[in-house]
Amino acid sequence: MSAMLSEDKAGNWQIFPDAEAVAKAALHLILQAAEQAIASEGIFRIVLAGGTTPEKVYRLLVGQACDWQRWQLYLGDERCLAQDDPERNSVMIRQCLLDKVGIPPENIHFIPAELGAEAAAATYAAQFTDKLPFHLVMLGMGEDGHTASLFPGHVHNQQELVHAVHNAPKPPPERVSLSQYCLSQTQRLLVLVTGVGKHDAVKQWQAGHDLPVARITSYQQTDILLDKAAAGA
């Protein structure tokens, strides 16, 4: 069960009891988007996020009756660490999901962040020449209102699809992130926000503050799923 916080052109805000309930609701929306995209286009392009609540979603996806052969996976951001570093989003996603479902390796498009921020950003941007829009982009939000690796106060070239990120306020400082523009090239946007530490940023977002997460939009549908702790409910 969820409580509708508000519904406007900025998104459908829904409150759930806890992070597990948020993950289950996200699972439903992802499966719905996948079914519709595959029925209409024969393919489902999804951007995945790192973080604890997305991890719960990936674990729930295992065992679902999905047409995995038609999924195309991308990442919203990655840390510039060794390819097998456990702090990388790709490692977590592979362990939780990809090692357990039948998505073809050629359909998995991870960020080659081990190349370094600049080279990885340039290489990854070439992936999107004819792949936009996405069908669904899933994001989380940090306590400062950042999303992917788009942080408050950072300035990027808004013409870029992928940014090289330096001096991130959270370690590691070197990262790669899809741009605000690229993340907004999506039919559906799904933002998962859980934990009491996110409450202040949620209040700022709803008050109209210029947070990175608030700048991401979608073509058709935006769902912001919060647990009670994040919503202050």
Protein backbone atom coordinates (compact mmCIF):
# COMPACT_ATOMS: atom_id res chain seq x y z
CA MET A 1 0.00 0.00 0.00
CA SER A 2 1.15 3.51 -0.72
CA ALA A 3 -0.02 7.01 0.04
CA MET A 4 -0.06 9.49 -2.82
CA LEU A 5 1.82 12.56 -1.66
CA SER A 6 1.13 14.65 -4.72
CA GLU A 7 0.67 14.30 -8.44
CA ASP A 8 1.64 17.01 -10.90
CA LYS A 9 3.68 17.46 -14.03
CA ALA A 10 6.82 17.15 -11.89
CA GLY A 11 5.94 13.59 -11.01
CA ASN A 12 3.81 11.14 -9.07
CA TRP A 13 5.03 11.10 -5.46
CA GLN A 14 4.13 8.00 -3.47
CA ILE A 15 4.97 7.03 0.11
CA PHE A 16 5.50 3.42 1.20
CA PRO A 17 6.09 1.94 4.66
CA ASP A 18 9.74 0.98 4.13
CA ALA A 19 12.50 0.39 1.61
CA GLU A 20 11.31 -3.15 0.89
CA ALA A 21 7.89 -1.84 -0.12
CA VAL A 22 9.53 0.82 -2.29
CA ALA A 23 11.55 -1.90 -4.03
CA LYS A 24 8.45 -4.01 -4.67
CA ALA A 25 6.61 -1.04 -6.16
CA ALA A 26 9.62 -0.26 -8.35
CA LEU A 27 9.71 -3.87 -9.50
CA HIS A 28 6.09 -3.63 -10.65
CA LEU A 29 6.75 -0.43 -12.62
CA ILE A 30 9.87 -1.86 -14.27
CA LEU A 31 8.11 -5.06 -15.31
CA GLN A 32 5.22 -3.01 -16.70
CA ALA A 33 7.56 -0.76 -18.68
CA ALA A 34 9.50 -3.76 -20.00
CA GLU A 35 6.37 -5.53 -21.16
CA GLN A 36 5.07 -2.44 -22.95
CA ALA A 37 8.39 -1.61 -24.60
CA ILE A 38 8.98 -5.15 -25.83
CA ALA A 39 5.42 -5.40 -27.14
CA SER A 40 5.72 -2.14 -29.09
CA GLU A 41 9.41 -2.06 -30.09
CA GLY A 42 10.81 -5.52 -29.42
CA ILE A 43 13.42 -4.11 -27.01
CA PHE A 44 13.63 -2.64 -23.51
CA ARG A 45 16.35 -0.06 -22.81
CA ILE A 46 16.78 0.59 -19.09
CA VAL A 47 19.30 2.67 -17.14
CA LEU A 48 20.23 1.14 -13.79
CA ALA A 49 21.36 2.84 -10.58
CA GLY A 50 23.65 1.93 -7.74
CA GLY A 51 22.63 2.01 -4.10
CA THR A 52 20.96 -0.16 -1.48
CA THR A 53 17.35 0.22 -2.60
CA PRO A 54 18.08 -0.46 -6.30
CA GLU A 55 19.99 -3.53 -5.09
CA LYS A 56 16.77 -4.77 -3.47
CA VAL A 57 15.01 -4.28 -6.81
CA TYR A 58 17.63 -6.32 -8.66
CA ARG A 59 17.28 -9.18 -6.21
CA LEU A 60 13.51 -9.10 -6.72
CA LEU A 61 13.95 -9.21 -10.49
CA VAL A 62 15.67 -12.58 -10.25
CA GLY A 63 13.08 -15.27 -10.87
CA GLN A 64 10.64 -12.99 -12.70
CA ALA A 65 9.27 -14.21 -16.01
CA CYS A 66 11.01 -11.62 -18.18
CA ASP A 67 12.00 -11.75 -21.83
CA TRP A 68 15.61 -11.16 -20.78
CA GLN A 69 16.92 -11.57 -24.33
CA ARG A 70 15.31 -8.25 -25.21
CA TRP A 71 16.65 -6.21 -22.29
CA GLN A 72 19.41 -3.67 -22.96
CA LEU A 73 21.10 -2.45 -19.77
CA TYR A 74 22.95 0.82 -19.21
CA LEU A 75 24.35 2.52 -16.11
CA GLY A 76 23.58 6.00 -14.84
CA ASP A 77 27.04 6.38 -13.34
CA GLU A 78 30.14 4.53 -12.27
CA ARG A 79 33.14 5.00 -10.01
CA CYS A 80 36.60 5.09 -11.54
CA LEU A 81 37.91 1.98 -9.84
CA ALA A 82 39.34 -1.33 -11.01
CA GLN A 83 36.93 -3.40 -13.07
CA ASP A 84 36.42 -5.95 -10.28
CA ASP A 85 36.30 -3.50 -7.37
CA PRO A 86 33.31 -4.31 -5.11
CA GLU A 87 32.52 -0.60 -4.82
CA ARG A 88 31.62 -0.41 -8.51
CA ASN A 89 27.94 -0.39 -9.45
CA SER A 90 28.62 -2.90 -12.21
CA VAL A 91 30.00 -5.46 -9.74
CA MET A 92 26.97 -5.17 -7.46
CA ILE A 93 24.54 -5.45 -10.37
CA ARG A 94 26.36 -8.43 -11.82
CA GLN A 95 26.34 -10.27 -8.50
CA CYS A 96 22.71 -9.48 -7.65
CA LEU A 97 21.14 -9.86 -11.08
CA LEU A 98 23.22 -10.62 -14.13
CA ASP A 99 24.84 -13.79 -12.84
CA LYS A 100 21.34 -15.19 -12.27
CA VAL A 101 19.32 -14.21 -15.36
CA GLY A 102 19.76 -14.71 -19.09
CA ILE A 103 20.59 -11.27 -20.42
CA PRO A 104 23.01 -11.71 -23.35
CA PRO A 105 26.47 -10.22 -22.64
CA GLU A 106 26.23 -8.03 -25.73
CA ASN A 107 23.13 -6.39 -24.22
CA ILE A 108 24.99 -5.27 -21.09
CA HIS A 109 26.53 -1.82 -21.55
CA PHE A 110 28.63 -0.96 -18.51
CA ILE A 111 30.76 2.16 -18.21
CA PRO A 112 34.46 1.40 -18.76
CA ALA A 113 35.38 3.56 -15.77
CA GLU A 114 38.67 1.70 -15.27
CA LEU A 115 39.93 3.75 -18.25
CA GLY A 116 39.71 6.95 -16.21
CA ALA A 117 36.99 9.59 -16.18
CA GLU A 118 37.75 11.38 -19.45
CA ALA A 119 38.38 8.32 -21.62
CA ALA A 120 35.47 6.40 -20.12
CA ALA A 121 33.04 9.28 -20.66
CA ALA A 122 34.04 9.64 -24.31
CA THR A 123 33.83 5.90 -24.91
CA TYR A 124 30.45 5.55 -23.23
CA ALA A 125 28.91 8.53 -25.01
CA ALA A 126 29.45 6.73 -28.30
CA GLN A 127 27.01 4.04 -27.09
CA PHE A 128 24.04 6.39 -27.36
CA THR A 129 24.29 7.57 -30.94
CA ASP A 130 21.07 5.79 -31.92
CA LYS A 131 19.85 4.39 -28.58
CA LEU A 132 17.82 7.31 -27.22
CA PRO A 133 15.30 7.68 -25.77
CA PHE A 134 15.50 5.08 -23.03
CA HIS A 135 12.34 3.31 -22.02
CA LEU A 136 13.05 3.69 -18.31
CA VAL A 137 15.68 5.43 -16.20
CA MET A 138 15.98 4.43 -12.55
CA LEU A 139 17.72 6.81 -10.16
CA GLY A 140 18.40 7.17 -6.48
CA MET A 141 19.05 10.36 -4.54
CA GLY A 142 21.79 11.25 -2.06
CA GLU A 143 21.40 13.23 1.14
CA ASP A 144 22.64 16.34 -0.70
CA GLY A 145 20.15 15.92 -3.55
CA HIS A 146 22.66 14.43 -5.98
CA THR A 147 21.64 11.73 -8.41
CA ALA A 148 23.85 9.42 -10.45
CA SER A 149 27.14 11.33 -10.05
CA LEU A 150 25.63 14.76 -10.67
CA PHE A 151 26.48 16.73 -7.53
CA PRO A 152 25.32 20.15 -6.27
CA GLY A 153 27.71 22.90 -7.30
CA HIS A 154 29.35 20.95 -10.13
CA VAL A 155 29.20 22.57 -13.55
CA HIS A 156 29.25 20.46 -16.71
CA ASN A 157 28.96 21.03 -20.42
CA GLN A 158 25.22 20.60 -20.98
CA GLN A 159 25.78 19.45 -24.56
CA GLU A 160 27.46 16.26 -23.35
CA LEU A 161 25.69 12.92 -23.06
CA VAL A 162 28.22 11.64 -20.53
CA HIS A 163 30.30 13.66 -18.08
CA ALA A 164 33.73 13.02 -16.65
CA VAL A 165 33.27 13.86 -12.96
CA HIS A 166 36.16 15.13 -10.86
CA ASN A 167 36.32 16.11 -7.20
CA ALA A 168 33.17 14.26 -6.20
CA PRO A 169 32.35 15.04 -2.55
CA LYS A 170 31.99 11.32 -1.89
CA PRO A 171 34.83 8.86 -2.55
CA PRO A 172 36.12 8.06 -5.02
CA PRO A 173 36.50 11.59 -6.43
CA GLU A 174 36.77 10.41 -10.05
CA ARG A 175 33.55 9.18 -11.63
CA VAL A 176 31.58 9.00 -14.87
CA SER A 177 27.93 10.01 -15.10
CA LEU A 178 25.23 10.28 -17.69
CA SER A 179 24.32 13.94 -18.07
CA GLN A 180 21.12 15.65 -17.04
CA TYR A 181 20.23 15.81 -20.72
CA CYS A 182 20.91 12.12 -21.34
CA LEU A 183 19.05 10.92 -18.23
CA SER A 184 16.05 13.01 -19.27
CA GLN A 185 15.85 11.28 -22.66
CA THR A 186 13.50 8.66 -21.29
CA GLN A 187 9.88 7.69 -21.59
CA ARG A 188 9.68 6.88 -17.88
CA LEU A 189 11.67 8.11 -14.90
CA LEU A 190 11.71 6.18 -11.64
CA VAL A 191 13.35 7.75 -8.56
CA LEU A 192 13.77 5.73 -5.37
CA VAL A 193 14.35 7.63 -2.12
CA THR A 194 14.66 5.81 1.21
CA GLY A 195 16.02 6.57 4.66
CA VAL A 196 15.62 9.40 7.15
CA GLY A 197 18.88 10.96 5.94
CA LYS A 198 17.16 11.93 2.69
CA HIS A 199 14.30 13.84 4.33
CA ASP A 200 15.89 17.30 4.21
CA ALA A 201 16.69 16.93 0.51
CA VAL A 202 13.13 15.72 -0.16
CA LYS A 203 11.79 18.87 1.52
CA GLN A 204 14.10 21.04 -0.57
CA TRP A 205 13.05 19.24 -3.75
CA GLN A 206 9.37 19.73 -3.02
CA ALA A 207 10.00 23.38 -2.16
CA GLY A 208 11.46 23.94 -5.61
CA HIS A 209 15.18 24.11 -4.77
CA ASP A 210 17.59 23.57 -7.64
CA LEU A 211 18.86 20.09 -6.81
CA PRO A 212 20.48 17.82 -9.41
CA VAL A 213 17.76 15.20 -8.98
CA ALA A 214 15.05 17.82 -9.57
CA ARG A 215 16.46 18.66 -12.99
CA ILE A 216 15.85 15.21 -14.48
CA THR A 217 12.61 14.90 -16.43
CA SER A 218 10.86 12.33 -18.61
CA TYR A 219 8.76 12.30 -21.76
CA GLN A 220 5.74 10.51 -20.34
CA GLN A 221 5.80 9.44 -16.70
CA THR A 222 7.82 10.26 -13.59
CA ASP A 223 7.37 8.26 -10.39
CA ILE A 224 9.09 9.24 -7.14
CA LEU A 225 8.81 6.44 -4.59
CA LEU A 226 9.68 7.26 -0.99
CA ASP A 227 9.60 5.35 2.26
CA LYS A 228 8.06 6.97 5.33
CA ALA A 229 11.45 7.86 6.77
CA ALA A 230 12.48 9.86 3.69
CA ALA A 231 9.08 11.50 3.41
CA GLY A 232 8.95 12.42 7.09
CA ALA A 233 5.60 10.66 7.36
